[in-house]
Amino acid sequence: MEDVLDVYQRPYDAKRPVVCLDEASKELRSTPRGRFPLQPGKPIREDYEYERHGVANLFLTVEPLRGLRRIRVTDRRTRGDFAEELRRLADEDYPDADLIVLVLDNLNTHGPGALYETFAAEEAHRLAARFEWHYTPEHGSWLNIAECDLSVLAAQCLDRCIPDKDTLIREVAAWQERRNNAGAKVVWQFTAADARIKLKRLYPILKEQNDT
């Protein structure tokens, strides 16, 4: 836990950007009988029956101190998809960075091994070396700022029926543009020193030993 909290205290460095990564699923479904037209002062009203059209995956990355988000929609969330997301981060999003300081949860697909399962060994080694890996602890995914942003995305954009992948891509792209234009930065205030006080129960108890 303190490892991630210390990362969030680092000053902004364009050559070593701190980037948080997380992913979420979105069920695609439509309402065949549609919805009532919007009226002032009334929420959206739509038929309770719906048709399922599969599930899409969203990778979200956020650079907290820059206020920059990127969302990519994929059909699945396999190790190969994760590896391809890392390649895009390294080669397309941050090609000029010396090192990408990556914060992510400890899902079993989130690791350098995914690169070696997807790319040739030389390429996997090159990509793995572009990242400084930092994992949130078990039951501590709330420490990942990308998870916080996914909650905002769910409330502001994904809280309604979206029928297909193309529509989902357009919707999240519009949300991403608004969020980035607003320059919504995240300045993390909870430090390791705070954790030792407020989460004292999570630390081991050291017993004093008497010299004999």
N, C-alpha and C. Protein backbone atom coordinates (compact mmCIF):
# COMPACT_ATOMS: atom_id res chain seq x y z
N MET A 1 0.82 -1.20 0.00
CA MET A 1 0.00 0.00 0.00
C MET A 1 0.86 1.26 0.00
N GLU A 2 1.89 1.28 0.88
CA GLU A 2 2.72 2.46 0.98
C GLU A 2 3.49 2.71 -0.31
N ASP A 3 3.79 1.64 -1.02
CA ASP A 3 4.48 1.78 -2.31
C ASP A 3 3.67 2.64 -3.27
N VAL A 4 2.37 2.36 -3.40
CA VAL A 4 1.51 3.13 -4.30
C VAL A 4 1.33 4.55 -3.77
N LEU A 5 1.14 4.70 -2.46
CA LEU A 5 0.96 6.03 -1.89
C LEU A 5 2.19 6.90 -2.11
N ASP A 6 3.37 6.31 -2.03
CA ASP A 6 4.59 7.07 -2.29
C ASP A 6 4.67 7.50 -3.76
N VAL A 7 4.20 6.65 -4.66
CA VAL A 7 4.19 7.01 -6.08
C VAL A 7 3.34 8.25 -6.31
N TYR A 8 2.20 8.33 -5.63
CA TYR A 8 1.29 9.46 -5.82
C TYR A 8 1.86 10.77 -5.28
N GLN A 9 2.90 10.70 -4.47
CA GLN A 9 3.52 11.91 -3.94
C GLN A 9 4.63 12.46 -4.83
N ARG A 10 4.95 11.75 -5.89
CA ARG A 10 6.01 12.22 -6.77
C ARG A 10 5.56 13.45 -7.56
N PRO A 11 6.48 14.39 -7.79
CA PRO A 11 6.13 15.55 -8.62
C PRO A 11 5.97 15.14 -10.07
N TYR A 12 5.27 15.97 -10.82
CA TYR A 12 5.04 15.66 -12.23
C TYR A 12 6.35 15.62 -13.00
N ASP A 13 6.52 14.61 -13.81
CA ASP A 13 7.71 14.44 -14.64
C ASP A 13 7.27 13.86 -15.98
N ALA A 14 7.35 14.66 -17.03
CA ALA A 14 6.89 14.22 -18.35
C ALA A 14 7.68 13.03 -18.87
N LYS A 15 8.92 12.89 -18.41
CA LYS A 15 9.76 11.77 -18.85
C LYS A 15 9.49 10.50 -18.06
N ARG A 16 8.84 10.64 -16.91
CA ARG A 16 8.47 9.48 -16.08
C ARG A 16 7.04 9.67 -15.59
N PRO A 17 6.08 9.69 -16.50
CA PRO A 17 4.69 9.96 -16.10
C PRO A 17 4.11 8.83 -15.25
N VAL A 18 3.32 9.23 -14.25
CA VAL A 18 2.57 8.25 -13.46
C VAL A 18 1.24 8.01 -14.16
N VAL A 19 0.98 6.78 -14.52
CA VAL A 19 -0.23 6.41 -15.26
C VAL A 19 -0.94 5.28 -14.52
N CYS A 20 -2.22 5.47 -14.26
CA CYS A 20 -3.03 4.44 -13.60
C CYS A 20 -3.89 3.74 -14.65
N LEU A 21 -4.00 2.44 -14.54
CA LEU A 21 -4.73 1.62 -15.51
C LEU A 21 -5.74 0.73 -14.81
N ASP A 22 -6.94 0.65 -15.38
CA ASP A 22 -7.94 -0.28 -14.88
C ASP A 22 -8.87 -0.64 -16.03
N GLU A 23 -9.72 -1.61 -15.82
CA GLU A 23 -10.63 -2.06 -16.87
C GLU A 23 -11.98 -2.41 -16.27
N ALA A 24 -13.00 -2.37 -17.11
CA ALA A 24 -14.35 -2.69 -16.66
C ALA A 24 -15.14 -3.23 -17.84
N SER A 25 -16.20 -3.97 -17.53
CA SER A 25 -17.07 -4.53 -18.56
C SER A 25 -18.35 -3.70 -18.67
N LYS A 26 -18.91 -3.67 -19.86
CA LYS A 26 -20.19 -3.01 -20.08
C LYS A 26 -21.08 -3.93 -20.90
N GLU A 27 -22.22 -4.30 -20.32
CA GLU A 27 -23.18 -5.13 -21.04
C GLU A 27 -23.88 -4.28 -22.09
N LEU A 28 -23.92 -4.78 -23.31
CA LEU A 28 -24.57 -4.08 -24.41
C LEU A 28 -26.00 -4.60 -24.53
N ARG A 29 -26.94 -3.68 -24.50
CA ARG A 29 -28.33 -4.10 -24.62
C ARG A 29 -29.18 -2.95 -25.14
N SER A 30 -30.28 -3.32 -25.76
CA SER A 30 -31.19 -2.34 -26.33
C SER A 30 -32.59 -2.55 -25.76
N THR A 31 -33.43 -1.54 -25.89
CA THR A 31 -34.83 -1.64 -25.48
C THR A 31 -35.68 -1.61 -26.75
N PRO A 32 -36.16 -2.77 -27.19
CA PRO A 32 -36.89 -2.85 -28.46
C PRO A 32 -38.08 -1.90 -28.55
N ARG A 33 -38.73 -1.66 -27.43
CA ARG A 33 -39.90 -0.79 -27.46
C ARG A 33 -39.56 0.67 -27.09
N GLY A 34 -38.25 0.93 -27.01
CA GLY A 34 -37.79 2.31 -26.87
C GLY A 34 -38.08 2.95 -25.54
N ARG A 35 -38.18 4.27 -25.56
CA ARG A 35 -38.37 5.06 -24.34
C ARG A 35 -39.31 6.22 -24.62
N PHE A 36 -39.81 6.81 -23.55
CA PHE A 36 -40.64 8.00 -23.69
C PHE A 36 -39.75 9.21 -24.02
N PRO A 37 -40.27 10.16 -24.75
CA PRO A 37 -39.50 11.38 -25.04
C PRO A 37 -39.13 12.09 -23.74
N LEU A 38 -37.96 12.72 -23.74
CA LEU A 38 -37.52 13.47 -22.56
C LEU A 38 -38.46 14.65 -22.29
N GLN A 39 -38.72 14.88 -21.02
CA GLN A 39 -39.53 16.01 -20.61
C GLN A 39 -38.81 16.76 -19.50
N PRO A 40 -38.96 18.08 -19.45
CA PRO A 40 -38.28 18.86 -18.41
C PRO A 40 -38.64 18.38 -17.01
N GLY A 41 -37.61 18.20 -16.19
CA GLY A 41 -37.83 17.82 -14.80
C GLY A 41 -38.14 16.37 -14.56
N LYS A 42 -38.08 15.53 -15.61
CA LYS A 42 -38.38 14.11 -15.45
C LYS A 42 -37.19 13.28 -15.91
N PRO A 43 -36.90 12.19 -15.22
CA PRO A 43 -35.79 11.32 -15.64
C PRO A 43 -36.14 10.55 -16.90
N ILE A 44 -35.12 9.94 -17.49
CA ILE A 44 -35.35 9.11 -18.67
C ILE A 44 -36.26 7.94 -18.28
N ARG A 45 -37.28 7.69 -19.08
CA ARG A 45 -38.20 6.57 -18.85
C ARG A 45 -38.18 5.65 -20.06
N GLU A 46 -37.82 4.42 -19.81
CA GLU A 46 -37.74 3.46 -20.90
C GLU A 46 -38.34 2.13 -20.46
N ASP A 47 -38.67 1.31 -21.43
CA ASP A 47 -39.31 0.03 -21.17
C ASP A 47 -38.37 -0.87 -20.37
N TYR A 48 -38.92 -1.66 -19.45
CA TYR A 48 -38.09 -2.49 -18.60
C TYR A 48 -37.57 -3.73 -19.34
N GLU A 49 -38.18 -4.08 -20.47
CA GLU A 49 -37.70 -5.22 -21.24
C GLU A 49 -36.54 -4.78 -22.14
N TYR A 50 -35.56 -5.66 -22.27
CA TYR A 50 -34.41 -5.31 -23.10
C TYR A 50 -33.85 -6.57 -23.75
N GLU A 51 -33.03 -6.38 -24.77
CA GLU A 51 -32.34 -7.46 -25.45
C GLU A 51 -30.85 -7.33 -25.22
N ARG A 52 -30.20 -8.42 -24.91
CA ARG A 52 -28.75 -8.42 -24.69
C ARG A 52 -28.02 -8.55 -26.03
N HIS A 53 -26.89 -7.84 -26.14
CA HIS A 53 -26.08 -7.90 -27.35
C HIS A 53 -24.61 -8.13 -27.02
N GLY A 54 -24.37 -8.88 -25.96
CA GLY A 54 -22.99 -9.20 -25.61
C GLY A 54 -22.40 -8.22 -24.61
N VAL A 55 -21.11 -8.33 -24.42
CA VAL A 55 -20.39 -7.52 -23.45
C VAL A 55 -19.13 -6.97 -24.09
N ALA A 56 -18.82 -5.72 -23.79
CA ALA A 56 -17.58 -5.10 -24.26
C ALA A 56 -16.71 -4.77 -23.05
N ASN A 57 -15.43 -4.62 -23.29
CA ASN A 57 -14.49 -4.27 -22.24
C ASN A 57 -13.92 -2.88 -22.48
N LEU A 58 -13.68 -2.15 -21.39
CA LEU A 58 -13.10 -0.83 -21.48
C LEU A 58 -11.80 -0.77 -20.68
N PHE A 59 -10.72 -0.40 -21.34
CA PHE A 59 -9.47 -0.08 -20.66
C PHE A 59 -9.43 1.42 -20.45
N LEU A 60 -9.23 1.85 -19.22
CA LEU A 60 -9.13 3.28 -18.93
C LEU A 60 -7.78 3.55 -18.30
N THR A 61 -7.06 4.52 -18.85
CA THR A 61 -5.83 4.99 -18.24
C THR A 61 -6.00 6.46 -17.88
N VAL A 62 -5.40 6.86 -16.77
CA VAL A 62 -5.48 8.25 -16.34
C VAL A 62 -4.11 8.68 -15.84
N GLU A 63 -3.69 9.85 -16.28
CA GLU A 63 -2.47 10.47 -15.79
C GLU A 63 -2.91 11.55 -14.80
N PRO A 64 -2.89 11.26 -13.50
CA PRO A 64 -3.56 12.12 -12.52
C PRO A 64 -3.10 13.57 -12.52
N LEU A 65 -1.79 13.79 -12.54
CA LEU A 65 -1.27 15.15 -12.41
C LEU A 65 -1.39 15.95 -13.69
N ARG A 66 -1.72 15.30 -14.78
CA ARG A 66 -1.91 15.99 -16.05
C ARG A 66 -3.38 16.14 -16.39
N GLY A 67 -4.24 15.37 -15.72
CA GLY A 67 -5.66 15.41 -16.01
C GLY A 67 -6.00 14.84 -17.37
N LEU A 68 -5.30 13.78 -17.76
CA LEU A 68 -5.48 13.19 -19.09
C LEU A 68 -5.99 11.76 -18.95
N ARG A 69 -7.09 11.47 -19.67
CA ARG A 69 -7.65 10.13 -19.69
C ARG A 69 -7.69 9.60 -21.10
N ARG A 70 -7.56 8.27 -21.20
CA ARG A 70 -7.73 7.59 -22.49
C ARG A 70 -8.55 6.33 -22.23
N ILE A 71 -9.52 6.09 -23.11
CA ILE A 71 -10.35 4.89 -22.99
C ILE A 71 -10.31 4.13 -24.31
N ARG A 72 -10.08 2.84 -24.21
CA ARG A 72 -10.12 2.00 -25.40
C ARG A 72 -11.11 0.86 -25.16
N VAL A 73 -11.94 0.61 -26.16
CA VAL A 73 -12.97 -0.41 -26.07
C VAL A 73 -12.50 -1.65 -26.83
N THR A 74 -12.57 -2.80 -26.18
CA THR A 74 -12.19 -4.06 -26.80
C THR A 74 -13.31 -5.07 -26.67
N ASP A 75 -13.22 -6.12 -27.46
CA ASP A 75 -14.24 -7.17 -27.39
C ASP A 75 -14.08 -8.04 -26.16
N ARG A 76 -12.83 -8.19 -25.69
CA ARG A 76 -12.56 -9.10 -24.58
C ARG A 76 -11.60 -8.44 -23.59
N ARG A 77 -11.30 -9.16 -22.52
CA ARG A 77 -10.33 -8.66 -21.53
C ARG A 77 -9.33 -9.77 -21.20
N THR A 78 -8.70 -10.33 -22.22
CA THR A 78 -7.74 -11.40 -22.05
C THR A 78 -6.34 -10.84 -21.80
N ARG A 79 -5.40 -11.75 -21.56
CA ARG A 79 -4.01 -11.34 -21.41
C ARG A 79 -3.51 -10.65 -22.68
N GLY A 80 -3.96 -11.15 -23.83
CA GLY A 80 -3.55 -10.54 -25.09
C GLY A 80 -4.06 -9.12 -25.23
N ASP A 81 -5.29 -8.88 -24.81
CA ASP A 81 -5.85 -7.53 -24.85
C ASP A 81 -5.07 -6.60 -23.92
N PHE A 82 -4.73 -7.10 -22.73
CA PHE A 82 -3.96 -6.30 -21.79
C PHE A 82 -2.58 -6.00 -22.36
N ALA A 83 -1.95 -6.99 -22.96
CA ALA A 83 -0.62 -6.78 -23.55
C ALA A 83 -0.67 -5.74 -24.66
N GLU A 84 -1.71 -5.79 -25.48
CA GLU A 84 -1.85 -4.81 -26.56
C GLU A 84 -2.07 -3.41 -25.99
N GLU A 85 -2.80 -3.31 -24.88
CA GLU A 85 -2.99 -2.01 -24.23
C GLU A 85 -1.66 -1.45 -23.74
N LEU A 86 -0.81 -2.31 -23.19
CA LEU A 86 0.51 -1.86 -22.77
C LEU A 86 1.35 -1.41 -23.96
N ARG A 87 1.26 -2.12 -25.06
CA ARG A 87 2.02 -1.72 -26.25
C ARG A 87 1.59 -0.35 -26.72
N ARG A 88 0.29 -0.09 -26.72
CA ARG A 88 -0.20 1.21 -27.15
C ARG A 88 0.26 2.31 -26.20
N LEU A 89 0.23 2.02 -24.90
CA LEU A 89 0.73 2.99 -23.93
C LEU A 89 2.19 3.34 -24.22
N ALA A 90 2.99 2.32 -24.44
CA ALA A 90 4.42 2.52 -24.62
C ALA A 90 4.76 3.19 -25.95
N ASP A 91 4.13 2.74 -27.02
CA ASP A 91 4.55 3.17 -28.37
C ASP A 91 3.70 4.29 -28.96
N GLU A 92 2.45 4.41 -28.53
CA GLU A 92 1.57 5.42 -29.12
C GLU A 92 1.27 6.58 -28.17
N ASP A 93 0.98 6.28 -26.92
CA ASP A 93 0.60 7.32 -25.97
C ASP A 93 1.80 8.03 -25.35
N TYR A 94 2.85 7.26 -25.03
CA TYR A 94 4.01 7.84 -24.37
C TYR A 94 5.32 7.40 -25.04
N PRO A 95 5.46 7.63 -26.34
CA PRO A 95 6.67 7.17 -27.03
C PRO A 95 7.94 7.88 -26.57
N ASP A 96 7.81 9.10 -26.04
CA ASP A 96 8.99 9.88 -25.65
C ASP A 96 9.34 9.76 -24.18
N ALA A 97 8.54 9.00 -23.43
CA ALA A 97 8.82 8.83 -22.01
C ALA A 97 10.01 7.90 -21.81
N ASP A 98 10.86 8.24 -20.85
CA ASP A 98 11.96 7.34 -20.51
C ASP A 98 11.44 6.09 -19.82
N LEU A 99 10.42 6.27 -18.98
CA LEU A 99 9.84 5.17 -18.23
C LEU A 99 8.41 5.55 -17.85
N ILE A 100 7.49 4.62 -17.96
CA ILE A 100 6.10 4.85 -17.58
C ILE A 100 5.87 4.21 -16.22
N VAL A 101 5.54 5.04 -15.23
CA VAL A 101 5.29 4.55 -13.87
C VAL A 101 3.84 4.09 -13.82
N LEU A 102 3.65 2.77 -13.83
CA LEU A 102 2.32 2.19 -14.01
C LEU A 102 1.75 1.69 -12.69
N VAL A 103 0.54 2.18 -12.36
CA VAL A 103 -0.18 1.73 -11.18
C VAL A 103 -1.39 0.92 -11.64
N LEU A 104 -1.55 -0.27 -11.12
CA LEU A 104 -2.65 -1.14 -11.51
C LEU A 104 -2.94 -2.13 -10.40
N ASP A 105 -4.10 -2.81 -10.49
CA ASP A 105 -4.42 -3.78 -9.45
C ASP A 105 -3.74 -5.10 -9.76
N ASN A 106 -3.86 -6.05 -8.83
CA ASN A 106 -3.10 -7.30 -8.95
C ASN A 106 -3.91 -8.42 -9.59
N LEU A 107 -4.76 -8.09 -10.56
CA LEU A 107 -5.47 -9.11 -11.33
C LEU A 107 -4.45 -10.03 -11.99
N ASN A 108 -4.81 -11.31 -12.11
CA ASN A 108 -3.81 -12.27 -12.59
C ASN A 108 -3.38 -12.05 -14.03
N THR A 109 -4.13 -11.26 -14.79
CA THR A 109 -3.72 -10.97 -16.17
C THR A 109 -2.82 -9.75 -16.25
N HIS A 110 -2.67 -9.02 -15.14
CA HIS A 110 -1.92 -7.76 -15.14
C HIS A 110 -0.46 -7.99 -14.75
N GLY A 111 0.35 -8.31 -15.70
CA GLY A 111 1.76 -8.52 -15.39
C GLY A 111 2.58 -8.67 -16.65
N PRO A 112 3.91 -8.62 -16.53
CA PRO A 112 4.78 -8.78 -17.69
C PRO A 112 4.57 -10.10 -18.42
N GLY A 113 4.09 -11.11 -17.69
CA GLY A 113 3.87 -12.41 -18.33
C GLY A 113 2.93 -12.32 -19.51
N ALA A 114 1.95 -11.41 -19.44
CA ALA A 114 1.01 -11.24 -20.56
C ALA A 114 1.74 -10.80 -21.82
N LEU A 115 2.80 -10.02 -21.66
CA LEU A 115 3.57 -9.57 -22.83
C LEU A 115 4.27 -10.76 -23.49
N TYR A 116 4.82 -11.65 -22.67
CA TYR A 116 5.54 -12.79 -23.23
C TYR A 116 4.60 -13.82 -23.84
N GLU A 117 3.35 -13.84 -23.40
CA GLU A 117 2.37 -14.74 -24.01
C GLU A 117 1.82 -14.19 -25.32
N THR A 118 2.03 -12.91 -25.56
CA THR A 118 1.43 -12.25 -26.73
C THR A 118 2.45 -11.91 -27.81
N PHE A 119 3.64 -11.48 -27.40
CA PHE A 119 4.66 -11.03 -28.35
C PHE A 119 5.88 -11.94 -28.28
N ALA A 120 6.72 -11.82 -29.30
CA ALA A 120 7.99 -12.53 -29.28
C ALA A 120 8.81 -12.05 -28.09
N ALA A 121 9.73 -12.90 -27.62
CA ALA A 121 10.46 -12.62 -26.38
C ALA A 121 11.20 -11.29 -26.43
N GLU A 122 11.83 -10.98 -27.53
CA GLU A 122 12.59 -9.73 -27.64
C GLU A 122 11.66 -8.52 -27.52
N GLU A 123 10.51 -8.57 -28.19
CA GLU A 123 9.55 -7.48 -28.13
C GLU A 123 8.93 -7.38 -26.74
N ALA A 124 8.62 -8.52 -26.14
CA ALA A 124 8.05 -8.51 -24.79
C ALA A 124 9.03 -7.91 -23.80
N HIS A 125 10.30 -8.24 -23.93
CA HIS A 125 11.32 -7.69 -23.04
C HIS A 125 11.43 -6.18 -23.21
N ARG A 126 11.39 -5.72 -24.45
CA ARG A 126 11.46 -4.28 -24.73
C ARG A 126 10.30 -3.54 -24.07
N LEU A 127 9.10 -4.08 -24.21
CA LEU A 127 7.92 -3.43 -23.65
C LEU A 127 7.93 -3.48 -22.12
N ALA A 128 8.28 -4.60 -21.56
CA ALA A 128 8.29 -4.73 -20.09
C ALA A 128 9.24 -3.73 -19.46
N ALA A 129 10.35 -3.45 -20.16
CA ALA A 129 11.35 -2.53 -19.63
C ALA A 129 10.89 -1.07 -19.69
N ARG A 130 9.83 -0.79 -20.44
CA ARG A 130 9.31 0.57 -20.53
C ARG A 130 8.48 0.96 -19.31
N PHE A 131 8.18 -0.01 -18.45
CA PHE A 131 7.28 0.24 -17.32
C PHE A 131 7.97 0.02 -15.99
N GLU A 132 7.58 0.86 -15.03
CA GLU A 132 7.91 0.66 -13.62
C GLU A 132 6.61 0.22 -12.96
N TRP A 133 6.55 -1.02 -12.50
CA TRP A 133 5.31 -1.65 -12.10
C TRP A 133 5.02 -1.41 -10.62
N HIS A 134 3.80 -0.96 -10.33
CA HIS A 134 3.36 -0.76 -8.95
C HIS A 134 1.93 -1.32 -8.81
N TYR A 135 1.75 -2.26 -7.88
CA TYR A 135 0.46 -2.94 -7.73
C TYR A 135 -0.23 -2.52 -6.43
N THR A 136 -1.54 -2.32 -6.51
CA THR A 136 -2.31 -2.10 -5.30
C THR A 136 -2.39 -3.43 -4.54
N PRO A 137 -2.48 -3.37 -3.20
CA PRO A 137 -2.54 -4.61 -2.43
C PRO A 137 -3.89 -5.31 -2.58
N GLU A 138 -3.95 -6.54 -2.12
CA GLU A 138 -5.21 -7.28 -2.12
C GLU A 138 -6.24 -6.51 -1.32
N HIS A 139 -7.45 -6.42 -1.88
CA HIS A 139 -8.56 -5.66 -1.29
C HIS A 139 -8.26 -4.16 -1.23
N GLY A 140 -7.27 -3.72 -1.99
CA GLY A 140 -6.92 -2.30 -1.97
C GLY A 140 -7.01 -1.65 -3.33
N SER A 141 -7.90 -2.15 -4.18
CA SER A 141 -8.01 -1.58 -5.52
C SER A 141 -8.51 -0.15 -5.50
N TRP A 142 -9.09 0.29 -4.36
CA TRP A 142 -9.55 1.67 -4.24
C TRP A 142 -8.38 2.65 -4.32
N LEU A 143 -7.16 2.15 -4.13
CA LEU A 143 -5.99 3.00 -4.25
C LEU A 143 -5.65 3.34 -5.69
N ASN A 144 -6.27 2.65 -6.62
CA ASN A 144 -6.01 2.91 -8.04
C ASN A 144 -6.90 4.05 -8.51
N ILE A 145 -6.29 5.16 -8.90
CA ILE A 145 -7.06 6.33 -9.33
C ILE A 145 -7.88 6.00 -10.57
N ALA A 146 -7.42 5.07 -11.40
CA ALA A 146 -8.20 4.69 -12.58
C ALA A 146 -9.52 4.07 -12.19
N GLU A 147 -9.56 3.34 -11.09
CA GLU A 147 -10.82 2.77 -10.62
C GLU A 147 -11.78 3.88 -10.20
N CYS A 148 -11.25 4.92 -9.58
CA CYS A 148 -12.09 6.06 -9.21
C CYS A 148 -12.69 6.71 -10.45
N ASP A 149 -11.89 6.85 -11.49
CA ASP A 149 -12.40 7.45 -12.72
C ASP A 149 -13.42 6.56 -13.42
N LEU A 150 -13.24 5.24 -13.31
CA LEU A 150 -14.24 4.34 -13.88
C LEU A 150 -15.59 4.52 -13.19
N SER A 151 -15.57 4.82 -11.90
CA SER A 151 -16.82 5.08 -11.19
C SER A 151 -17.50 6.33 -11.71
N VAL A 152 -16.70 7.36 -12.01
CA VAL A 152 -17.25 8.58 -12.59
C VAL A 152 -17.81 8.29 -13.98
N LEU A 153 -17.08 7.53 -14.78
CA LEU A 153 -17.54 7.16 -16.11
C LEU A 153 -18.86 6.40 -16.04
N ALA A 154 -18.96 5.46 -15.10
CA ALA A 154 -20.18 4.67 -14.97
C ALA A 154 -21.36 5.55 -14.62
N ALA A 155 -21.16 6.53 -13.75
CA ALA A 155 -22.26 7.39 -13.31
C ALA A 155 -22.67 8.41 -14.37
N GLN A 156 -21.71 8.91 -15.13
CA GLN A 156 -21.98 9.98 -16.07
C GLN A 156 -22.25 9.52 -17.50
N CYS A 157 -21.85 8.29 -17.82
CA CYS A 157 -21.93 7.87 -19.23
C CYS A 157 -22.53 6.49 -19.43
N LEU A 158 -22.28 5.57 -18.52
CA LEU A 158 -22.66 4.18 -18.75
C LEU A 158 -23.91 3.75 -18.00
N ASP A 159 -24.61 4.71 -17.41
CA ASP A 159 -25.78 4.38 -16.59
C ASP A 159 -27.06 4.29 -17.41
N ARG A 160 -26.96 3.80 -18.62
CA ARG A 160 -28.13 3.65 -19.49
C ARG A 160 -27.85 2.54 -20.49
N CYS A 161 -28.87 2.15 -21.23
CA CYS A 161 -28.72 1.10 -22.23
C CYS A 161 -27.87 1.60 -23.40
N ILE A 162 -26.87 0.84 -23.74
CA ILE A 162 -26.05 1.11 -24.93
C ILE A 162 -26.12 -0.13 -25.80
N PRO A 163 -26.60 -0.01 -27.05
CA PRO A 163 -26.94 -1.20 -27.81
C PRO A 163 -25.79 -1.94 -28.47
N ASP A 164 -24.69 -1.24 -28.81
CA ASP A 164 -23.64 -1.90 -29.57
C ASP A 164 -22.29 -1.25 -29.30
N LYS A 165 -21.25 -1.90 -29.79
CA LYS A 165 -19.89 -1.45 -29.53
C LYS A 165 -19.62 -0.08 -30.15
N ASP A 166 -20.10 0.14 -31.37
CA ASP A 166 -19.86 1.43 -32.03
C ASP A 166 -20.45 2.58 -31.23
N THR A 167 -21.66 2.39 -30.72
CA THR A 167 -22.28 3.43 -29.89
C THR A 167 -21.49 3.64 -28.61
N LEU A 168 -21.03 2.55 -28.02
CA LEU A 168 -20.23 2.64 -26.79
C LEU A 168 -18.96 3.44 -27.04
N ILE A 169 -18.30 3.18 -28.16
CA ILE A 169 -17.07 3.90 -28.49
C ILE A 169 -17.34 5.40 -28.62
N ARG A 170 -18.42 5.76 -29.28
CA ARG A 170 -18.76 7.18 -29.44
C ARG A 170 -19.08 7.83 -28.09
N GLU A 171 -19.84 7.12 -27.25
CA GLU A 171 -20.24 7.68 -25.96
C GLU A 171 -19.04 7.92 -25.05
N VAL A 172 -18.16 6.93 -24.95
CA VAL A 172 -17.01 7.09 -24.05
C VAL A 172 -16.01 8.09 -24.62
N ALA A 173 -15.93 8.20 -25.96
CA ALA A 173 -15.04 9.20 -26.56
C ALA A 173 -15.52 10.61 -26.23
N ALA A 174 -16.83 10.82 -26.26
CA ALA A 174 -17.39 12.13 -25.92
C ALA A 174 -17.12 12.45 -24.45
N TRP A 175 -17.30 11.46 -23.57
CA TRP A 175 -17.03 11.67 -22.14
C TRP A 175 -15.56 11.97 -21.92
N GLN A 176 -14.69 11.22 -22.59
CA GLN A 176 -13.25 11.43 -22.47
C GLN A 176 -12.85 12.84 -22.89
N GLU A 177 -13.42 13.31 -23.99
CA GLU A 177 -13.10 14.65 -24.47
C GLU A 177 -13.54 15.71 -23.46
N ARG A 178 -14.75 15.57 -22.94
CA ARG A 178 -15.24 16.54 -21.95
C ARG A 178 -14.35 16.54 -20.71
N ARG A 179 -14.02 15.36 -20.24
CA ARG A 179 -13.23 15.23 -19.01
C ARG A 179 -11.82 15.81 -19.21
N ASN A 180 -11.22 15.55 -20.35
CA ASN A 180 -9.88 16.06 -20.63
C ASN A 180 -9.90 17.57 -20.84
N ASN A 181 -10.91 18.07 -21.53
CA ASN A 181 -11.00 19.51 -21.76
C ASN A 181 -11.19 20.26 -20.44
N ALA A 182 -11.85 19.61 -19.50
CA ALA A 182 -12.04 20.23 -18.19
C ALA A 182 -10.76 20.22 -17.36
N GLY A 183 -9.78 19.44 -17.82
CA GLY A 183 -8.51 19.36 -17.09
C GLY A 183 -8.67 18.84 -15.68
N ALA A 184 -9.51 17.81 -15.53
CA ALA A 184 -9.82 17.27 -14.20
C ALA A 184 -8.63 16.47 -13.66
N LYS A 185 -7.75 17.16 -12.95
CA LYS A 185 -6.58 16.51 -12.35
C LYS A 185 -6.96 15.85 -11.03
N VAL A 186 -6.10 14.94 -10.60
CA VAL A 186 -6.30 14.27 -9.31
C VAL A 186 -5.04 14.48 -8.49
N VAL A 187 -5.15 15.25 -7.42
CA VAL A 187 -4.04 15.45 -6.50
C VAL A 187 -4.32 14.61 -5.26
N TRP A 188 -3.66 13.49 -5.17
CA TRP A 188 -3.93 12.51 -4.12
C TRP A 188 -3.41 13.04 -2.78
N GLN A 189 -4.27 13.08 -1.77
CA GLN A 189 -3.92 13.66 -0.48
C GLN A 189 -3.56 12.62 0.58
N PHE A 190 -4.01 11.39 0.40
CA PHE A 190 -3.81 10.35 1.42
C PHE A 190 -2.39 9.80 1.29
N THR A 191 -1.56 10.00 2.31
CA THR A 191 -0.15 9.63 2.26
C THR A 191 0.12 8.39 3.10
N ALA A 192 1.35 7.88 3.00
CA ALA A 192 1.75 6.74 3.81
C ALA A 192 1.69 7.08 5.29
N ALA A 193 2.05 8.32 5.64
CA ALA A 193 1.96 8.74 7.04
C ALA A 193 0.51 8.71 7.53
N ASP A 194 -0.42 9.13 6.68
CA ASP A 194 -1.84 9.07 7.04
C ASP A 194 -2.28 7.62 7.23
N ALA A 195 -1.80 6.74 6.36
CA ALA A 195 -2.20 5.33 6.42
C ALA A 195 -1.78 4.70 7.74
N ARG A 196 -0.60 5.08 8.24
CA ARG A 196 -0.11 4.49 9.49
C ARG A 196 -0.97 4.87 10.68
N ILE A 197 -1.71 5.98 10.53
CA ILE A 197 -2.60 6.42 11.61
C ILE A 197 -4.01 5.88 11.40
N LYS A 198 -4.57 6.13 10.21
CA LYS A 198 -5.97 5.79 9.96
C LYS A 198 -6.18 4.31 9.67
N LEU A 199 -5.16 3.65 9.18
CA LEU A 199 -5.27 2.21 8.88
C LEU A 199 -4.30 1.41 9.74
N LYS A 200 -4.16 1.85 10.96
CA LYS A 200 -3.21 1.24 11.87
C LYS A 200 -3.47 -0.25 12.05
N ARG A 201 -4.75 -0.64 11.97
CA ARG A 201 -5.12 -2.05 12.19
C ARG A 201 -4.52 -2.97 11.13
N LEU A 202 -4.11 -2.43 10.00
CA LEU A 202 -3.57 -3.25 8.91
C LEU A 202 -2.08 -3.51 9.06
N TYR A 203 -1.46 -2.82 9.98
CA TYR A 203 -0.02 -2.98 10.18
C TYR A 203 0.26 -4.04 11.24
N PRO A 204 1.34 -4.77 11.11
CA PRO A 204 1.66 -5.79 12.12
C PRO A 204 1.97 -5.14 13.46
N ILE A 205 1.66 -5.85 14.53
CA ILE A 205 1.93 -5.37 15.87
C ILE A 205 3.25 -5.95 16.35
N LEU A 206 4.17 -5.07 16.66
CA LEU A 206 5.49 -5.51 17.12
C LEU A 206 5.50 -5.52 18.64
N LYS A 207 5.83 -6.65 19.20
CA LYS A 207 5.88 -6.79 20.65
C LYS A 207 7.28 -6.48 21.16
N GLU A 208 7.32 -5.74 22.25
CA GLU A 208 8.60 -5.44 22.84
C GLU A 208 9.15 -6.69 23.53
N GLN A 209 10.43 -6.91 23.36
CA GLN A 209 11.07 -8.06 23.99
C GLN A 209 12.01 -7.58 25.09
N ASN A 210 11.87 -8.19 26.25
CA ASN A 210 12.73 -7.82 27.38
C ASN A 210 14.03 -8.59 27.30
N ASP A 211 15.11 -7.88 27.53
CA ASP A 211 16.42 -8.54 27.56
C ASP A 211 16.53 -9.40 28.81
N THR A 212 17.02 -10.57 28.67
CA THR A 212 17.18 -11.46 29.82
C THR A 212 18.65 -11.84 29.97
